[in-house]
Protein backbone atom coordinates (compact mmCIF):
# COMPACT_ATOMS: atom_id res chain seq x y z
CA MET A 1 -161.93 129.47 155.47
CA THR A 2 -162.38 128.29 159.07
CA ALA A 3 -162.31 124.51 159.43
CA SER A 4 -165.33 122.85 160.96
CA PRO A 5 -164.74 120.72 164.09
CA LEU A 6 -165.00 117.55 162.01
CA THR A 7 -162.19 118.69 159.71
CA ASN A 8 -160.02 120.23 162.43
CA PRO A 9 -158.19 117.34 164.09
CA ILE A 10 -155.99 119.71 166.12
CA ALA A 11 -159.05 121.38 167.64
CA ASN A 12 -160.55 117.97 168.35
CA ARG A 13 -157.41 116.86 170.19
CA VAL A 14 -157.25 120.11 172.17
CA THR A 15 -160.87 119.67 173.22
CA ALA A 16 -160.34 116.04 174.25
CA ILE A 17 -157.26 116.86 176.38
CA THR A 18 -158.87 119.94 177.93
CA HIS A 19 -161.88 117.94 179.06
CA GLU A 20 -159.69 115.44 180.92
CA LEU A 21 -157.57 118.00 182.77
CA PRO A 22 -158.31 119.12 186.32
CA PRO A 23 -159.12 122.85 186.55
CA SER A 24 -155.85 123.50 188.40
CA VAL A 25 -153.76 122.54 185.33
CA ARG A 26 -153.00 124.96 182.52
CA LEU A 27 -152.55 123.48 179.05
CA ILE A 28 -149.79 125.01 176.93
CA GLY A 29 -149.71 124.02 173.29
CA VAL A 30 -146.08 123.64 172.22
CA SER A 31 -146.25 125.19 168.77
CA LYS A 32 -142.52 125.34 168.03
CA LYS A 33 -141.77 124.18 164.47
CA GLN A 34 -145.49 124.22 163.73
CA PRO A 35 -147.00 126.67 161.21
CA ALA A 36 -149.17 129.56 162.32
CA SER A 37 -152.14 127.70 160.85
CA ALA A 38 -151.73 125.00 163.50
CA VAL A 39 -151.88 127.61 166.26
CA ARG A 40 -155.01 129.04 164.66
CA ALA A 41 -156.58 125.57 164.57
CA ALA A 42 -155.91 125.03 168.28
CA TYR A 43 -157.19 128.53 169.03
CA GLN A 44 -160.55 127.50 167.53
CA ALA A 45 -160.85 125.01 170.40
CA ASN A 46 -160.31 127.86 172.91
CA LEU A 47 -156.64 127.15 173.60
CA ARG A 48 -154.99 130.46 174.46
CA ASP A 49 -151.56 129.40 175.79
CA PHE A 50 -148.79 128.56 173.33
CA GLY A 51 -145.15 127.68 173.92
CA GLU A 52 -142.24 128.53 171.64
CA SER A 53 -138.54 127.72 171.98
CA MET A 54 -136.95 130.14 169.52
CA VAL A 55 -137.49 133.88 169.88
CA GLN A 56 -137.17 134.68 166.17
CA GLU A 57 -139.51 131.89 165.11
CA ALA A 58 -142.07 133.09 167.63
CA ILE A 59 -141.87 136.71 166.44
CA ALA A 60 -142.60 135.68 162.86
CA LYS A 61 -145.50 133.49 163.97
CA GLN A 62 -146.94 136.19 166.18
CA ALA A 63 -146.97 138.58 163.23
CA GLU A 64 -149.08 136.09 161.25
CA LEU A 65 -151.44 135.75 164.19
CA ALA A 66 -151.71 139.40 165.14
CA ASP A 67 -155.50 139.28 164.91
CA LEU A 68 -155.58 136.76 167.80
CA ASP A 69 -154.75 139.32 170.43
CA ASP A 70 -155.68 137.27 173.52
CA ILE A 71 -153.00 134.60 173.12
CA THR A 72 -150.57 134.17 176.01
CA TRP A 73 -147.10 133.34 174.70
CA HIS A 74 -144.71 131.21 176.77
CA LEU A 75 -140.97 130.98 176.09
CA ILE A 76 -140.01 127.41 176.96
CA GLY A 77 -136.59 127.10 175.30
CA HIS A 78 -133.10 128.19 176.29
CA LEU A 79 -132.72 131.96 176.12
CA GLN A 80 -129.47 133.51 174.93
CA SER A 81 -128.47 136.78 176.57
CA ASN A 82 -128.56 138.68 173.29
CA LYS A 83 -132.22 137.72 172.83
CA ALA A 84 -133.32 138.85 176.30
CA ARG A 85 -134.85 142.15 175.21
CA LYS A 86 -136.77 140.55 172.33
CA ALA A 87 -138.02 137.84 174.66
CA LEU A 88 -139.38 140.42 177.06
CA GLU A 89 -141.06 142.25 174.20
CA HIS A 90 -142.78 139.19 172.76
CA PHE A 91 -143.49 136.75 175.60
CA ASP A 92 -145.83 136.93 178.59
CA TRP A 93 -144.14 134.03 180.38
CA ILE A 94 -140.51 132.86 180.48
CA HIS A 95 -140.31 129.28 181.78
CA SER A 96 -136.64 128.73 181.07
CA ILE A 97 -134.59 131.00 183.34
CA ASP A 98 -131.73 128.56 183.64
CA SER A 99 -128.93 130.61 185.23
CA LEU A 100 -128.35 133.54 187.53
CA LYS A 101 -126.67 135.36 184.64
CA ILE A 102 -129.76 135.33 182.41
CA ALA A 103 -132.03 136.14 185.36
CA THR A 104 -129.96 139.20 186.20
CA ARG A 105 -129.93 140.40 182.61
CA LEU A 106 -133.69 139.92 182.24
CA ASN A 107 -134.28 141.81 185.46
CA LYS A 108 -132.17 144.77 184.28
CA ILE A 109 -133.93 145.00 180.92
CA ALA A 110 -137.38 144.44 182.43
CA GLY A 111 -136.71 147.40 184.71
CA GLU A 112 -135.80 149.57 181.74
CA MET A 113 -138.98 148.47 179.96
CA ALA A 114 -141.19 148.85 183.06
CA ARG A 115 -142.25 145.21 182.69
CA SER A 116 -142.62 142.41 185.22
CA PRO A 117 -142.91 139.12 183.33
CA ASP A 118 -144.08 135.90 184.94
CA CYS A 119 -141.11 133.53 185.16
CA CYS A 120 -140.12 130.02 186.14
CA LEU A 121 -136.67 128.81 187.13
CA GLN A 122 -135.52 125.82 185.10
CA VAL A 123 -133.96 123.26 187.39
CA LYS A 124 -132.29 119.90 186.79
CA MET A 125 -133.53 117.62 189.52
CA VAL A 126 -130.87 115.08 188.52
CA PRO A 127 -127.63 115.73 186.63
CA ASP A 128 -128.22 115.96 182.88
CA PRO A 129 -125.45 117.34 180.61
CA THR A 130 -127.86 117.53 177.66
CA LYS A 131 -130.09 120.19 179.23
CA PHE A 132 -129.80 123.73 180.51
CA GLY A 133 -130.91 124.56 184.02
CA PHE A 134 -129.81 125.19 187.57
CA SER A 135 -128.40 122.21 189.40
CA LEU A 136 -129.91 121.86 192.85
CA GLU A 137 -126.74 123.22 194.43
CA GLU A 138 -126.68 126.19 192.05
CA LEU A 139 -130.33 126.95 192.67
CA TRP A 140 -130.04 127.02 196.44
CA SER A 141 -126.97 129.22 196.16
CA ALA A 142 -128.73 131.62 193.76
CA LEU A 143 -132.03 131.96 195.60
CA PRO A 144 -131.03 134.90 197.86
CA THR A 145 -129.93 136.89 194.79
CA LEU A 146 -132.97 135.83 192.76
CA ASN A 147 -135.10 137.11 195.62
CA GLN A 148 -133.64 140.59 195.01
CA LEU A 149 -134.65 140.76 191.33
CA GLU A 150 -137.63 143.03 191.77
CA HIS A 151 -138.56 143.29 188.08
CA LEU A 152 -139.10 139.55 187.59
CA ASN A 153 -142.23 137.87 188.90
CA ILE A 154 -140.65 134.51 189.69
CA VAL A 155 -143.60 132.26 190.40
CA GLY A 156 -142.49 128.68 189.82
CA LEU A 157 -140.11 125.98 188.65
CA MET A 158 -139.78 124.16 185.36
CA THR A 159 -138.13 120.78 185.01
CA ILE A 160 -137.59 118.25 182.22
CA PRO A 161 -136.45 114.70 183.04
CA PRO A 162 -133.48 113.25 181.15
CA LEU A 163 -134.52 111.77 177.82
CA GLU A 164 -133.77 108.14 178.66
CA SER A 165 -135.50 108.15 182.06
CA SER A 166 -137.84 105.29 182.91
CA MET A 167 -141.38 106.22 183.89
CA ALA A 168 -140.54 105.37 187.50
CA GLU A 169 -137.59 107.76 187.34
CA VAL A 170 -139.76 110.44 185.74
CA GLU A 171 -142.33 110.05 188.50
CA ALA A 172 -139.63 110.42 191.16
CA ILE A 173 -138.23 113.55 189.49
CA PHE A 174 -141.65 115.19 189.35
CA GLU A 175 -142.36 114.33 192.98
CA GLN A 176 -138.97 115.75 193.99
CA ALA A 177 -139.77 118.98 192.14
CA LYS A 178 -142.97 119.36 194.16
CA ILE A 179 -141.01 118.81 197.37
CA LEU A 180 -138.41 121.35 196.23
CA ILE A 181 -140.96 124.07 195.58
CA ASP A 182 -142.42 123.51 199.05
CA GLN A 183 -138.95 123.67 200.61
CA ILE A 184 -138.19 126.96 198.85
CA ASN A 185 -141.47 128.47 200.00
CA GLN A 186 -140.66 127.53 203.58
CA GLN A 187 -137.53 129.73 203.51
CA GLY A 188 -139.52 132.93 203.92
CA PHE A 189 -138.24 134.82 200.88
CA ASP A 190 -140.18 138.06 200.53
CA GLN A 191 -140.36 138.05 196.71
CA LEU A 192 -140.17 134.38 195.78
CA HIS A 193 -143.64 132.89 196.23
CA LEU A 194 -143.61 129.81 194.04
CA SER A 195 -146.98 128.36 193.11
CA GLU A 196 -146.41 127.05 189.56
CA LEU A 197 -144.82 123.78 188.45
CA SER A 198 -144.20 123.67 184.70
CA MET A 199 -143.60 119.99 184.05
CA GLY A 200 -145.08 117.27 181.91
CA MET A 201 -144.98 116.79 178.16
CA SER A 202 -146.74 114.53 175.69
CA GLY A 203 -145.16 111.30 176.96
CA ASP A 204 -145.51 111.87 180.69
CA TYR A 205 -148.08 114.55 181.46
CA PRO A 206 -150.47 112.30 183.46
CA VAL A 207 -147.59 111.44 185.80
CA ALA A 208 -146.69 115.13 186.10
CA ILE A 209 -150.26 116.08 186.97
CA ALA A 210 -150.41 113.38 189.65
CA ALA A 211 -147.20 114.81 191.14
CA GLY A 212 -148.58 118.35 191.30
CA SER A 213 -147.87 120.01 187.95
CA THR A 214 -149.86 123.18 187.29
CA MET A 215 -148.72 123.70 183.68
CA ILE A 216 -148.22 120.96 181.10
CA ARG A 217 -146.53 121.55 177.75
CA LEU A 218 -147.95 119.37 174.97
CA GLY A 219 -146.69 119.34 171.40
CA THR A 220 -147.18 116.14 169.42
CA THR A 221 -150.23 115.13 171.47
CA LEU A 222 -152.02 118.21 170.15
CA PHE A 223 -150.36 119.00 166.84
CA GLY A 224 -149.01 115.66 165.66
CA ASP A 225 -145.47 115.27 164.36
CA ARG A 226 -143.59 118.43 163.52
CA PRO A 227 -143.23 119.20 159.80
CA ALA A 228 -139.92 118.05 158.33
């Protein structure tokens, strides 16, 4: 049975957030660790973008939701090389290209599959040993090679501030990411035309939007705490 709006708190939260967002910002519901029923509840409020971190978890969830064939699936977690083919089969977006190695492997397999997925490069704006991602030095060094990967549609950057950052530090990181994307676009790469900034989560998305984010990734704000 389909829940009515009054008994569907997830749909109510999706609707409330959607109404406050500027039209330039895409809302991605982070459904990792949430049951398929939670995705279905958010779908009832017209949310069509969902983010998953684990390829196998996403595949199982997608099978349960096969009747919802207009969902756009975003991979937002670290991708292991041995899951690259499955990721390309099951995701429309890959936000978390965090090394030249995984980018090269994805490009090779995407060519074999005749696919061109939308992708973001995950970058660490400040050093953070707890997260994957290009350091700034690594990113600048890799850009000429990334520009040659003709089977990946690299359209933006993703960044996540260190966990213990103050809000002032978070704001600075997001503003630096916007500057970085502009600097990259000024280099004249023929295939890298970066227009998307995937940044901002439940605790900091208003700051991310103010800094220029085009895609925010909200989990607990929409779905509540993850099941134990």
